[in-house]
């Protein structure tokens, strides 16, 4: 009467695996770069100023595209 066929732990394992996969994809795509930047700044430079998300992304794009050294 109303018992589940699967134990509750298996859903927790599936949720944990999905969360880990999502975190991996965010890291792989660079989507979590700002979050990692903030964590680094809090740990390594607690009294330093941090960039806003917009300034961080602009700086990141500038660094990325300034390394191109070919024509066309």
PDB file of N, CA and C in Angstrom:
ATOM      1  N   UNK A   1       0.819  -1.180   0.000  1.00  0.00           N
ATOM      2  CA  UNK A   1       0.000   0.000   0.000  1.00  0.00           C
ATOM      3  C   UNK A   1       0.868   1.251   0.000  1.00  0.00           C
ATOM      4  N   UNK A   2       1.023   1.836  -1.142  1.00  0.00           N
ATOM      5  CA  UNK A   2       1.748   3.089  -1.241  1.00  0.00           C
ATOM      6  C   UNK A   2       3.247   2.969  -1.060  1.00  0.00           C
ATOM      7  N   UNK A   3       3.825   1.787  -1.197  1.00  0.00           N
ATOM      8  CA  UNK A   3       5.268   1.661  -1.070  1.00  0.00           C
ATOM      9  C   UNK A   3       5.906   1.890  -2.428  1.00  0.00           C
ATOM     10  N   UNK A   4       7.041   2.521  -2.415  1.00  0.00           N
ATOM     11  CA  UNK A   4       7.778   2.763  -3.653  1.00  0.00           C
ATOM     12  C   UNK A   4       8.583   1.530  -4.017  1.00  0.00           C
ATOM     13  N   UNK A   5       8.715   1.296  -5.304  1.00  0.00           N
ATOM     14  CA  UNK A   5       9.497   0.163  -5.774  1.00  0.00           C
ATOM     15  C   UNK A   5      10.997   0.431  -5.633  1.00  0.00           C
ATOM     16  N   UNK A   6      11.408   1.701  -5.784  1.00  0.00           N
ATOM     17  CA  UNK A   6      12.823   2.037  -5.704  1.00  0.00           C
ATOM     18  C   UNK A   6      13.107   2.729  -4.376  1.00  0.00           C
ATOM     19  N   UNK A   7      14.246   2.437  -3.791  1.00  0.00           N
ATOM     20  CA  UNK A   7      14.597   3.112  -2.545  1.00  0.00           C
ATOM     21  C   UNK A   7      14.860   4.596  -2.793  1.00  0.00           C
ATOM     22  N   UNK A   8      14.616   5.392  -1.773  1.00  0.00           N
ATOM     23  CA  UNK A   8      14.786   6.835  -1.867  1.00  0.00           C
ATOM     24  C   UNK A   8      16.222   7.217  -2.246  1.00  0.00           C
ATOM     25  N   UNK A   9      17.196   6.458  -1.831  1.00  0.00           N
ATOM     26  CA  UNK A   9      18.598   6.761  -2.100  1.00  0.00           C
ATOM     27  C   UNK A   9      18.937   6.783  -3.575  1.00  0.00           C
ATOM     28  N   UNK A  10      18.244   6.003  -4.383  1.00  0.00           N
ATOM     29  CA  UNK A  10      18.566   5.988  -5.808  1.00  0.00           C
ATOM     30  C   UNK A  10      18.204   7.321  -6.463  1.00  0.00           C
ATOM     31  N   UNK A  11      17.104   7.951  -6.037  1.00  0.00           N
ATOM     32  CA  UNK A  11      16.766   9.274  -6.577  1.00  0.00           C
ATOM     33  C   UNK A  11      17.787  10.309  -6.142  1.00  0.00           C
ATOM     34  N   UNK A  12      18.272  10.177  -4.933  1.00  0.00           N
ATOM     35  CA  UNK A  12      19.302  11.096  -4.457  1.00  0.00           C
ATOM     36  C   UNK A  12      20.586  10.922  -5.265  1.00  0.00           C
ATOM     37  N   UNK A  13      20.916   9.691  -5.584  1.00  0.00           N
ATOM     38  CA  UNK A  13      22.108   9.427  -6.395  1.00  0.00           C
ATOM     39  C   UNK A  13      21.938   9.997  -7.804  1.00  0.00           C
ATOM     40  N   UNK A  14      20.741   9.853  -8.373  1.00  0.00           N
ATOM     41  CA  UNK A  14      20.479  10.403  -9.704  1.00  0.00           C
ATOM     42  C   UNK A  14      20.573  11.924  -9.675  1.00  0.00           C
ATOM     43  N   UNK A  15      20.002  12.541  -8.654  1.00  0.00           N
ATOM     44  CA  UNK A  15      20.082  14.002  -8.530  1.00  0.00           C
ATOM     45  C   UNK A  15      21.520  14.469  -8.374  1.00  0.00           C
ATOM     46  N   UNK A  16      22.286  13.752  -7.570  1.00  0.00           N
ATOM     47  CA  UNK A  16      23.688  14.122  -7.369  1.00  0.00           C
ATOM     48  C   UNK A  16      24.472  13.981  -8.663  1.00  0.00           C
ATOM     49  N   UNK A  17      24.224  12.914  -9.413  1.00  0.00           N
ATOM     50  CA  UNK A  17      24.922  12.709 -10.689  1.00  0.00           C
ATOM     51  C   UNK A  17      24.546  13.798 -11.690  1.00  0.00           C
ATOM     52  N   UNK A  18      23.273  14.153 -11.732  1.00  0.00           N
ATOM     53  CA  UNK A  18      22.830  15.215 -12.643  1.00  0.00           C
ATOM     54  C   UNK A  18      23.466  16.547 -12.267  1.00  0.00           C
ATOM     55  N   UNK A  19      23.534  16.833 -10.967  1.00  0.00           N
ATOM     56  CA  UNK A  19      24.157  18.081 -10.504  1.00  0.00           C
ATOM     57  C   UNK A  19      25.638  18.105 -10.862  1.00  0.00           C
ATOM     58  N   UNK A  20      26.324  16.973 -10.676  1.00  0.00           N
ATOM     59  CA  UNK A  20      27.741  16.891 -11.029  1.00  0.00           C
ATOM     60  C   UNK A  20      27.942  17.084 -12.535  1.00  0.00           C
ATOM     61  N   UNK A  21      27.074  16.484 -13.344  1.00  0.00           N
ATOM     62  CA  UNK A  21      27.173  16.631 -14.797  1.00  0.00           C
ATOM     63  C   UNK A  21      26.949  18.084 -15.197  1.00  0.00           C
ATOM     64  N   UNK A  22      25.953  18.728 -14.579  1.00  0.00           N
ATOM     65  CA  UNK A  22      25.677  20.130 -14.875  1.00  0.00           C
ATOM     66  C   UNK A  22      26.866  21.007 -14.488  1.00  0.00           C
ATOM     67  N   UNK A  23      27.453  20.775 -13.324  1.00  0.00           N
ATOM     68  CA  UNK A  23      28.631  21.536 -12.894  1.00  0.00           C
ATOM     69  C   UNK A  23      29.797  21.330 -13.852  1.00  0.00           C
ATOM     70  N   UNK A  24      29.984  20.099 -14.320  1.00  0.00           N
ATOM     71  CA  UNK A  24      31.048  19.798 -15.272  1.00  0.00           C
ATOM     72  C   UNK A  24      30.829  20.567 -16.576  1.00  0.00           C
ATOM     73  N   UNK A  25      29.608  20.562 -17.081  1.00  0.00           N
ATOM     74  CA  UNK A  25      29.321  21.273 -18.328  1.00  0.00           C
ATOM     75  C   UNK A  25      29.507  22.778 -18.169  1.00  0.00           C
ATOM     76  N   UNK A  26      29.116  23.320 -17.033  1.00  0.00           N
ATOM     77  CA  UNK A  26      29.320  24.753 -16.785  1.00  0.00           C
ATOM     78  C   UNK A  26      30.804  25.095 -16.764  1.00  0.00           C
ATOM     79  N   UNK A  27      31.591  24.229 -16.140  1.00  0.00           N
ATOM     80  CA  UNK A  27      33.037  24.488 -16.084  1.00  0.00           C
ATOM     81  C   UNK A  27      33.672  24.331 -17.458  1.00  0.00           C
ATOM     82  N   UNK A  28      33.260  23.307 -18.186  1.00  0.00           N
ATOM     83  CA  UNK A  28      33.791  23.052 -19.516  1.00  0.00           C
ATOM     84  C   UNK A  28      33.497  24.210 -20.464  1.00  0.00           C
ATOM     85  N   UNK A  29      32.316  24.774 -20.377  1.00  0.00           N
ATOM     86  CA  UNK A  29      31.923  25.870 -21.273  1.00  0.00           C
ATOM     87  C   UNK A  29      32.429  27.230 -20.799  1.00  0.00           C
ATOM     88  N   UNK A  30      32.893  27.319 -19.555  1.00  0.00           N
ATOM     89  CA  UNK A  30      33.344  28.590 -19.016  1.00  0.00           C
ATOM     90  C   UNK A  30      32.227  29.406 -18.409  1.00  0.00           C
ATOM     91  N   UNK A  31      31.056  28.823 -18.311  1.00  0.00           N
ATOM     92  CA  UNK A  31      29.895  29.525 -17.777  1.00  0.00           C
ATOM     93  C   UNK A  31      30.064  29.879 -16.303  1.00  0.00           C
ATOM     94  N   UNK A  32      30.880  29.132 -15.588  1.00  0.00           N
ATOM     95  CA  UNK A  32      31.066  29.399 -14.157  1.00  0.00           C
ATOM     96  C   UNK A  32      32.342  30.199 -13.875  1.00  0.00           C
ATOM     97  N   UNK A  33      32.924  30.802 -14.896  1.00  0.00           N
ATOM     98  CA  UNK A  33      34.193  31.514 -14.731  1.00  0.00           C
ATOM     99  C   UNK A  33      34.089  32.649 -13.717  1.00  0.00           C
ATOM    100  N   UNK A  34      33.004  33.402 -13.760  1.00  0.00           N
ATOM    101  CA  UNK A  34      32.851  34.511 -12.819  1.00  0.00           C
ATOM    102  C   UNK A  34      32.702  33.999 -11.391  1.00  0.00           C
ATOM    103  N   UNK A  35      31.961  32.920 -11.208  1.00  0.00           N
ATOM    104  CA  UNK A  35      31.806  32.340  -9.871  1.00  0.00           C
ATOM    105  C   UNK A  35      33.153  31.872  -9.331  1.00  0.00           C
ATOM    106  N   UNK A  36      33.955  31.240 -10.188  1.00  0.00           N
ATOM    107  CA  UNK A  36      35.286  30.792  -9.761  1.00  0.00           C
ATOM    108  C   UNK A  36      36.196  31.980  -9.472  1.00  0.00           C
ATOM    109  N   UNK A  37      36.071  33.053 -10.266  1.00  0.00           N
ATOM    110  CA  UNK A  37      36.848  34.275 -10.035  1.00  0.00           C
ATOM    111  C   UNK A  37      36.517  34.867  -8.661  1.00  0.00           C
ATOM    112  N   UNK A  38      35.213  34.960  -8.345  1.00  0.00           N
ATOM    113  CA  UNK A  38      34.819  35.497  -7.043  1.00  0.00           C
ATOM    114  C   UNK A  38      35.333  34.634  -5.897  1.00  0.00           C
ATOM    115  N   UNK A  39      35.250  33.317  -6.043  1.00  0.00           N
ATOM    116  CA  UNK A  39      35.748  32.414  -4.996  1.00  0.00           C
ATOM    117  C   UNK A  39      37.253  32.596  -4.810  1.00  0.00           C
ATOM    118  N   UNK A  40      37.982  32.741  -5.914  1.00  0.00           N
ATOM    119  CA  UNK A  40      39.426  32.953  -5.829  1.00  0.00           C
ATOM    120  C   UNK A  40      39.735  34.278  -5.143  1.00  0.00           C
ATOM    121  N   UNK A  41      39.015  35.312  -5.524  1.00  0.00           N
ATOM    122  CA  UNK A  41      39.277  36.623  -4.931  1.00  0.00           C
ATOM    123  C   UNK A  41      38.983  36.625  -3.436  1.00  0.00           C
ATOM    124  N   UNK A  42      37.906  35.950  -3.017  1.00  0.00           N
ATOM    125  CA  UNK A  42      37.589  35.871  -1.587  1.00  0.00           C
ATOM    126  C   UNK A  42      38.672  35.116  -0.824  1.00  0.00           C
ATOM    127  N   UNK A  43      39.204  34.049  -1.423  1.00  0.00           N
ATOM    128  CA  UNK A  43      40.198  33.223  -0.742  1.00  0.00           C
ATOM    129  C   UNK A  43      41.589  33.848  -0.769  1.00  0.00           C
ATOM    130  N   UNK A  44      42.015  34.340  -1.916  1.00  0.00           N
ATOM    131  CA  UNK A  44      43.394  34.804  -2.066  1.00  0.00           C
ATOM    132  C   UNK A  44      43.572  36.302  -1.820  1.00  0.00           C
ATOM    133  N   UNK A  45      42.543  37.074  -2.077  1.00  0.00           N
ATOM    134  CA  UNK A  45      42.634  38.538  -1.951  1.00  0.00           C
ATOM    135  C   UNK A  45      41.388  39.073  -1.252  1.00  0.00           C
ATOM    136  N   UNK A  46      41.200  38.739   0.017  1.00  0.00           N
ATOM    137  CA  UNK A  46      39.945  39.081   0.692  1.00  0.00           C
ATOM    138  C   UNK A  46      39.661  40.584   0.782  1.00  0.00           C
ATOM    139  N   UNK A  47      40.683  41.408   0.742  1.00  0.00           N
ATOM    140  CA  UNK A  47      40.461  42.848   0.868  1.00  0.00           C
ATOM    141  C   UNK A  47      40.572  43.553  -0.475  1.00  0.00           C
ATOM    142  N   UNK A  48      40.817  42.796  -1.526  1.00  0.00           N
ATOM    143  CA  UNK A  48      40.940  43.389  -2.852  1.00  0.00           C
ATOM    144  C   UNK A  48      39.581  43.664  -3.474  1.00  0.00           C
ATOM    145  N   UNK A  49      39.569  44.590  -4.400  1.00  0.00           N
ATOM    146  CA  UNK A  49      38.335  44.922  -5.121  1.00  0.00           C
ATOM    147  C   UNK A  49      38.078  43.851  -6.182  1.00  0.00           C
ATOM    148  N   UNK A  50      36.825  43.565  -6.400  1.00  0.00           N
ATOM    149  CA  UNK A  50      36.462  42.595  -7.435  1.00  0.00           C
ATOM    150  C   UNK A  50      35.768  43.318  -8.581  1.00  0.00           C
ATOM    151  N   UNK A  51      35.892  42.748  -9.749  1.00  0.00           N
ATOM    152  CA  UNK A  51      35.239  43.291 -10.929  1.00  0.00           C
ATOM    153  C   UNK A  51      33.760  42.928 -10.919  1.00  0.00           C
ATOM    154  N   UNK A  52      32.963  43.767 -11.510  1.00  0.00           N
ATOM    155  CA  UNK A  52      31.558  43.406 -11.707  1.00  0.00           C
ATOM    156  C   UNK A  52      31.514  42.311 -12.768  1.00  0.00           C
ATOM    157  N   UNK A  53      30.395  41.618 -12.870  1.00  0.00           N
ATOM    158  CA  UNK A  53      30.271  40.560 -13.873  1.00  0.00           C
ATOM    159  C   UNK A  53      30.509  41.132 -15.273  1.00  0.00           C
ATOM    160  N   UNK A  54      29.958  42.298 -15.543  1.00  0.00           N
ATOM    161  CA  UNK A  54      30.125  42.917 -16.862  1.00  0.00           C
ATOM    162  C   UNK A  54      31.590  43.226 -17.142  1.00  0.00           C
ATOM    163  N   UNK A  55      32.281  43.861 -16.181  1.00  0.00           N
ATOM    164  CA  UNK A  55      33.693  44.187 -16.366  1.00  0.00           C
ATOM    165  C   UNK A  55      34.544  42.932 -16.484  1.00  0.00           C
ATOM    166  N   UNK A  56      34.204  41.910 -15.717  1.00  0.00           N
ATOM    167  CA  UNK A  56      34.925  40.646 -15.799  1.00  0.00           C
ATOM    168  C   UNK A  56      34.806  40.056 -17.203  1.00  0.00           C
ATOM    169  N   UNK A  57      33.586  40.029 -17.735  1.00  0.00           N
ATOM    170  CA  UNK A  57      33.375  39.469 -19.074  1.00  0.00           C
ATOM    171  C   UNK A  57      34.062  40.299 -20.148  1.00  0.00           C
ATOM    172  N   UNK A  58      34.029  41.628 -20.014  1.00  0.00           N
ATOM    173  CA  UNK A  58      34.730  42.478 -20.976  1.00  0.00           C
ATOM    174  C   UNK A  58      36.236  42.224 -20.942  1.00  0.00           C
ATOM    175  N   UNK A  59      36.790  42.111 -19.747  1.00  0.00           N
ATOM    176  CA  UNK A  59      38.219  41.833 -19.598  1.00  0.00           C
ATOM    177  C   UNK A  59      38.566  40.464 -20.179  1.00  0.00           C
ATOM    178  N   UNK A  60      37.714  39.508 -19.924  1.00  0.00           N
ATOM    179  CA  UNK A  60      37.931  38.154 -20.445  1.00  0.00           C
ATOM    180  C   UNK A  60      37.928  38.142 -21.976  1.00  0.00           C
ATOM    181  N   UNK A  61      36.982  38.837 -22.578  1.00  0.00           N
ATOM    182  CA  UNK A  61      36.927  38.918 -24.038  1.00  0.00           C
ATOM    183  C   UNK A  61      38.144  39.651 -24.597  1.00  0.00           C
ATOM    184  N   UNK A  62      38.542  40.726 -23.941  1.00  0.00           N
ATOM    185  CA  UNK A  62      39.717  41.479 -24.386  1.00  0.00           C
ATOM    186  C   UNK A  62      40.968  40.599 -24.367  1.00  0.00           C
ATOM    187  N   UNK A  63      41.152  39.860 -23.267  1.00  0.00           N
ATOM    188  CA  UNK A  63      42.315  38.969 -23.178  1.00  0.00           C
ATOM    189  C   UNK A  63      42.252  37.878 -24.237  1.00  0.00           C
ATOM    190  N   UNK A  64      41.067  37.353 -24.484  1.00  0.00           N
ATOM    191  CA  UNK A  64      40.904  36.274 -25.458  1.00  0.00           C
ATOM    192  C   UNK A  64      41.242  36.745 -26.866  1.00  0.00           C
ATOM    193  N   UNK A  65      40.710  37.879 -27.273  1.00  0.00           N
ATOM    194  CA  UNK A  65      40.876  38.329 -28.648  1.00  0.00           C
ATOM    195  C   UNK A  65      42.169  39.096 -28.886  1.00  0.00           C
ATOM    196  N   UNK A  66      42.841  39.545 -27.848  1.00  0.00           N
ATOM    197  CA  UNK A  66      44.102  40.270 -28.045  1.00  0.00           C
ATOM    198  C   UNK A  66      45.243  39.330 -28.406  1.00  0.00           C
ATOM    199  N   UNK A  67      45.056  38.042 -28.202  1.00  0.00           N
ATOM    200  CA  UNK A  67      46.110  37.075 -28.518  1.00  0.00           C
ATOM    201  C   UNK A  67      46.121  36.650 -29.981  1.00  0.00           C
ATOM    202  N   UNK A  68      45.116  37.025 -30.745  1.00  0.00           N
ATOM    203  CA  UNK A  68      45.101  36.650 -32.151  1.00  0.00           C
ATOM    204  C   UNK A  68      46.204  37.410 -32.883  1.00  0.00           C
ATOM    205  N   UNK A  69      46.981  36.681 -33.655  1.00  0.00           N
ATOM    206  CA  UNK A  69      48.093  37.338 -34.340  1.00  0.00           C
ATOM    207  C   UNK A  69      48.170  36.911 -35.808  1.00  0.00           C
ATOM    208  N   UNK A  70      47.050  36.664 -36.388  1.00  0.00           N
ATOM    209  CA  UNK A  70      47.051  36.288 -37.793  1.00  0.00           C
ATOM    210  C   UNK A  70      46.084  37.191 -38.556  1.00  0.00           C
ATOM    211  N   UNK A  71      46.277  37.246 -39.824  1.00  0.00           N
ATOM    212  CA  UNK A  71      45.338  38.024 -40.617  1.00  0.00           C
ATOM    213  C   UNK A  71      44.253  37.091 -41.151  1.00  0.00           C
ATOM    214  N   UNK A  72      43.128  37.645 -41.454  1.00  0.00           N
ATOM    215  CA  UNK A  72      41.986  36.900 -42.021  1.00  0.00           C
ATOM    216  C   UNK A  72      41.491  35.874 -41.041  1.00  0.00           C
TER     217      UNK A  72
END
